[in-house]
Each structure stands twice: as C-alpha cells, then as structure tokens.
N, C-alpha and C. Protein backbone atom coordinates (compact mmCIF):
# COMPACT_ATOMS: atom_id res chain seq x y z
N MET A 1 -31.25 25.60 -4.53
CA MET A 1 -31.88 27.04 -3.69
C MET A 1 -30.91 27.41 -2.72
N TYR A 2 -29.09 27.09 -2.79
CA TYR A 2 -28.29 28.43 -2.00
C TYR A 2 -27.53 27.84 -3.82
N VAL A 3 -26.62 28.94 -2.77
CA VAL A 3 -25.80 29.34 -4.28
C VAL A 3 -24.53 29.41 -3.04
N LEU A 4 -23.43 28.40 -3.33
CA LEU A 4 -21.94 29.27 -2.33
C LEU A 4 -21.12 29.47 -3.06
N GLU A 5 -20.92 31.35 -3.58
CA GLU A 5 -20.00 31.62 -3.60
C GLU A 5 -18.35 32.23 -3.22
N THR A 6 -17.85 32.55 -3.81
CA THR A 6 -16.95 34.05 -2.60
C THR A 6 -16.83 35.25 -3.37
N THR A 7 -18.02 35.47 -3.43
CA THR A 7 -17.97 36.72 -4.91
C THR A 7 -18.29 37.48 -4.35
N THR A 8 -18.73 39.03 -4.18
CA THR A 8 -20.08 40.10 -3.97
C THR A 8 -21.23 39.67 -4.14
N MET A 9 -21.92 40.30 -2.33
CA MET A 9 -23.56 40.24 -3.93
C MET A 9 -24.36 40.66 -4.88
N SER A 10 -25.12 40.25 -5.24
CA SER A 10 -25.11 40.03 -6.72
C SER A 10 -26.42 39.76 -6.73
N ASP A 11 -27.34 40.53 -8.07
CA ASP A 11 -28.25 40.01 -8.57
C ASP A 11 -27.88 38.65 -9.66
N ILE A 12 -28.25 37.10 -9.01
CA ILE A 12 -27.85 36.80 -10.08
C ILE A 12 -29.39 35.97 -9.87
N ASN A 13 -29.51 35.32 -11.48
CA ASN A 13 -31.01 35.30 -11.84
C ASN A 13 -31.32 35.81 -11.59
N GLY A 14 -32.37 36.82 -11.01
CA GLY A 14 -32.92 38.12 -10.73
C GLY A 14 -33.81 37.84 -8.56
N GLN A 15 -33.01 36.81 -8.43
CA GLN A 15 -32.44 37.17 -6.75
C GLN A 15 -31.82 37.93 -6.85
N LYS A 16 -32.04 38.49 -5.11
CA LYS A 16 -30.70 38.64 -4.26
C LYS A 16 -30.23 37.56 -4.02
N LYS A 17 -29.21 38.01 -3.64
CA LYS A 17 -28.20 37.13 -2.59
C LYS A 17 -27.57 37.99 -1.44
N ILE A 18 -27.16 37.91 -0.56
CA ILE A 18 -26.60 37.82 0.28
C ILE A 18 -24.78 37.29 1.00
N GLU A 19 -24.27 38.23 1.52
CA GLU A 19 -23.26 38.50 1.81
C GLU A 19 -22.63 37.75 3.60
N VAL A 20 -22.40 36.12 3.89
CA VAL A 20 -22.77 35.57 5.44
C VAL A 20 -21.07 34.92 5.34
N ILE A 21 -20.45 35.81 6.24
CA ILE A 21 -19.65 34.67 6.73
C ILE A 21 -19.50 33.74 7.54
N VAL A 22 -19.53 32.46 7.60
CA VAL A 22 -19.24 31.66 8.36
C VAL A 22 -17.88 30.88 8.75
N ASN A 23 -17.74 30.41 9.56
CA ASN A 23 -16.62 29.87 10.19
C ASN A 23 -15.31 30.58 9.66
N GLY A 24 -15.59 31.58 9.31
CA GLY A 24 -14.01 32.76 8.88
C GLY A 24 -14.61 32.29 7.18
N ASN A 25 -15.52 32.48 6.15
CA ASN A 25 -15.54 32.11 5.04
C ASN A 25 -16.68 32.55 4.90
N MET A 26 -15.86 33.37 3.60
CA MET A 26 -17.38 34.03 3.08
C MET A 26 -18.15 33.16 3.04
N MET A 27 -19.67 32.87 2.43
CA MET A 27 -20.65 32.29 2.06
C MET A 27 -22.02 33.85 0.75
N LEU A 28 -22.16 32.82 -0.12
CA LEU A 28 -23.19 34.07 -1.13
C LEU A 28 -24.60 32.99 -0.80
N LEU A 29 -25.49 33.31 -0.46
CA LEU A 29 -26.78 33.00 -0.14
C LEU A 29 -27.88 33.59 -0.78
N GLU A 30 -28.79 32.80 -0.71
CA GLU A 30 -30.19 33.28 -1.65
C GLU A 30 -30.81 34.25 -0.44
N ASN A 31 -31.57 34.92 -0.15
CA ASN A 31 -32.64 35.24 0.65
C ASN A 31 -33.06 34.64 1.74
N GLY A 32 -33.16 35.00 2.25
CA GLY A 32 -35.00 33.93 3.93
C GLY A 32 -33.83 33.05 3.66
N VAL A 33 -32.23 32.37 4.03
CA VAL A 33 -32.01 31.55 4.68
C VAL A 33 -32.23 31.39 6.21
N PHE A 34 -32.85 30.61 7.04
CA PHE A 34 -32.42 30.42 8.56
C PHE A 34 -31.17 30.07 8.20
N ILE A 35 -30.83 29.45 10.29
CA ILE A 35 -30.03 29.01 10.13
C ILE A 35 -30.03 27.31 10.39
N ASP A 36 -31.16 26.97 10.52
CA ASP A 36 -31.51 25.51 10.35
C ASP A 36 -31.32 25.03 8.95
N ASP A 37 -31.97 26.29 8.38
CA ASP A 37 -31.05 25.84 6.39
C ASP A 37 -30.10 25.58 6.62
N LEU A 38 -29.21 26.85 6.77
CA LEU A 38 -27.94 26.65 6.85
C LEU A 38 -27.50 24.74 6.96
N ILE A 39 -27.88 24.74 8.31
CA ILE A 39 -26.96 23.13 9.20
C ILE A 39 -26.94 22.35 8.31
N LYS A 40 -28.63 22.61 7.48
CA LYS A 40 -28.46 20.73 6.12
C LYS A 40 -27.54 21.77 5.41
N LEU A 41 -27.23 22.19 4.88
CA LEU A 41 -25.76 23.03 4.22
C LEU A 41 -25.35 22.79 3.42
N LEU A 42 -24.76 22.32 4.92
CA LEU A 42 -23.25 22.41 5.74
C LEU A 42 -23.13 21.04 6.68
N ASN A 43 -24.30 19.96 6.17
CA ASN A 43 -24.75 19.05 6.67
C ASN A 43 -24.13 18.75 8.50
N ILE A 44 -24.55 19.25 8.84
CA ILE A 44 -23.47 19.01 9.85
C ILE A 44 -24.74 18.68 11.68
N GLY A 45 -26.25 17.73 10.91
CA GLY A 45 -27.28 17.76 11.53
C GLY A 45 -27.49 17.22 12.81
N SER A 46 -26.46 15.85 12.38
CA SER A 46 -26.41 14.77 12.93
C SER A 46 -25.20 14.67 14.34
N GLN A 47 -24.35 16.15 14.41
CA GLN A 47 -23.15 16.73 14.76
C GLN A 47 -23.49 17.31 16.64
N ARG A 48 -23.05 17.24 16.86
CA ARG A 48 -23.01 18.44 18.08
C ARG A 48 -22.79 19.23 18.24
N TYR A 49 -23.50 20.50 18.04
CA TYR A 49 -22.57 22.48 17.53
C TYR A 49 -24.27 23.18 18.16
N VAL A 50 -23.12 24.33 18.60
CA VAL A 50 -23.53 25.65 18.80
C VAL A 50 -23.77 26.74 17.87
N VAL A 51 -24.42 27.94 18.27
CA VAL A 51 -24.64 29.08 16.93
C VAL A 51 -24.68 29.89 17.34
N VAL A 52 -23.20 31.05 16.45
CA VAL A 52 -22.82 32.29 17.35
C VAL A 52 -23.31 33.59 16.22
N ILE A 53 -24.35 34.08 16.01
CA ILE A 53 -24.61 35.36 14.87
C ILE A 53 -23.80 36.30 15.23
N ASN A 54 -23.15 36.58 14.93
CA ASN A 54 -22.48 38.33 15.50
C ASN A 54 -22.58 38.09 16.53
N ASP A 55 -21.94 37.22 17.13
CA ASP A 55 -21.64 37.60 18.86
C ASP A 55 -22.56 37.10 19.89
N GLU A 56 -23.74 36.59 19.51
CA GLU A 56 -24.69 36.07 20.64
C GLU A 56 -25.42 34.90 19.94
N LEU A 57 -25.21 34.18 20.93
CA LEU A 57 -25.17 32.13 21.08
C LEU A 57 -26.65 32.33 20.71
N MET A 58 -27.49 31.82 20.03
CA MET A 58 -28.80 30.75 19.61
C MET A 58 -29.39 30.26 20.00
N PRO A 59 -29.85 29.56 20.75
CA PRO A 59 -31.03 28.32 20.97
C PRO A 59 -31.90 27.99 19.98
N LYS A 60 -31.14 26.66 20.12
CA LYS A 60 -31.57 25.52 19.62
C LYS A 60 -32.67 25.38 18.96
N SER A 61 -33.73 26.67 20.19
CA SER A 61 -34.87 26.54 19.54
C SER A 61 -35.76 27.42 18.98
N ILE A 62 -34.96 28.64 17.91
CA ILE A 62 -35.22 29.22 17.35
C ILE A 62 -34.53 29.02 16.02
N TYR A 63 -33.54 28.10 15.70
CA TYR A 63 -32.53 27.98 14.52
C TYR A 63 -33.82 28.59 13.32
N ASP A 64 -34.61 28.12 13.47
CA ASP A 64 -35.38 27.87 12.16
C ASP A 64 -36.64 28.92 11.84
N LYS A 65 -36.15 30.60 13.34
CA LYS A 65 -36.81 31.32 13.28
C LYS A 65 -36.14 32.76 13.21
N VAL A 66 -34.72 32.81 12.89
CA VAL A 66 -33.79 33.20 12.72
C VAL A 66 -33.24 33.22 11.38
N GLU A 67 -33.17 34.57 10.64
CA GLU A 67 -33.22 34.92 8.93
C GLU A 67 -31.47 35.56 8.61
N LEU A 68 -30.28 34.37 8.18
CA LEU A 68 -29.45 35.08 8.45
C LEU A 68 -29.19 36.47 6.81
N LYS A 69 -28.81 37.63 7.61
CA LYS A 69 -28.96 38.02 7.32
C LYS A 69 -27.34 38.68 6.62
N GLN A 70 -27.48 40.02 5.40
CA GLN A 70 -26.68 40.60 4.64
C GLN A 70 -25.21 40.59 6.31
N SER A 71 -24.14 39.81 5.51
CA SER A 71 -22.74 40.71 6.30
C SER A 71 -22.96 40.08 7.76
N ASP A 72 -23.65 38.29 8.24
CA ASP A 72 -23.82 38.68 9.53
C ASP A 72 -22.20 37.65 9.34
N ARG A 73 -22.17 36.85 11.02
CA ARG A 73 -20.59 36.86 11.13
C ARG A 73 -21.21 35.39 12.05
N CYS A 74 -21.40 34.15 10.81
CA CYS A 74 -22.11 32.74 12.09
C CYS A 74 -21.31 31.68 12.28
N ASP A 75 -20.64 31.96 13.42
CA ASP A 75 -19.85 30.91 13.86
C ASP A 75 -19.75 29.68 14.75
N ILE A 76 -20.14 28.23 14.20
CA ILE A 76 -21.17 27.04 14.02
C ILE A 76 -19.05 26.34 14.93
N MET A 77 -19.88 26.00 16.03
CA MET A 77 -18.81 24.82 16.85
C MET A 77 -19.19 24.04 17.82
N SER A 78 -17.88 23.11 17.61
CA SER A 78 -18.77 22.04 18.63
C SER A 78 -18.96 22.49 20.02
N PRO A 79 -20.17 22.74 20.75
CA PRO A 79 -19.73 23.27 22.40
C PRO A 79 -18.64 22.70 23.22
N ILE A 80 -18.26 23.61 24.03
CA ILE A 80 -17.39 22.85 24.73
C ILE A 80 -17.25 23.09 26.23
N SER A 81 -17.01 21.48 27.22
CA SER A 81 -17.91 21.14 28.45
C SER A 81 -16.58 21.41 29.36
N GLY A 82 -16.65 21.79 30.55
CA GLY A 82 -15.86 21.95 31.55
C GLY A 82 -15.97 21.75 33.00
N GLY A 83 -14.83 21.91 33.85
CA GLY A 83 -15.33 21.39 35.10
C GLY A 83 -14.63 22.00 36.00
C-alpha cells in the first residue's frame, strides 16, 4: 500500500505518488495517506508522540481525517513536559 523512496513525485504503477517530508526525510507515498496511516507505517503507534503538519499541531482526534498532501512537512516527536 505504501511506497517509501527518496525520489521525485511520479506515476508508479498507474498511481500518483506524493512527496512528504517526515522528520526531515523525504518519503514518497501513495495519494490518500492519512496521519494515522503514516503512524502505522512508521510503527510508532504504541509510543507517546505529537504530530505537527506544516507547523500546526494536530490533535489526535483528527489523525484519521487529515490526509497528507504533496510537499507537506510532518514532524512526529515525543511530547515535552515541563513545569
């Protein structure tokens, strides 16, 4: 379902792919990938993390509603607590 490469956007097997930057690394993904799909792909579902798309913090309640788009910058990081 997913394709991970470091190439430019292309038409592979008749399907359009999108380039997304994830934690500073270029990923080539199929169209229609949502945040929760990316979390599963990266196998980090059981860890504590926050997701920031294009400098906007995404609430966990919408991970299944936010579709990644061409040139999105996605940062997935451990939350920082302080006091």
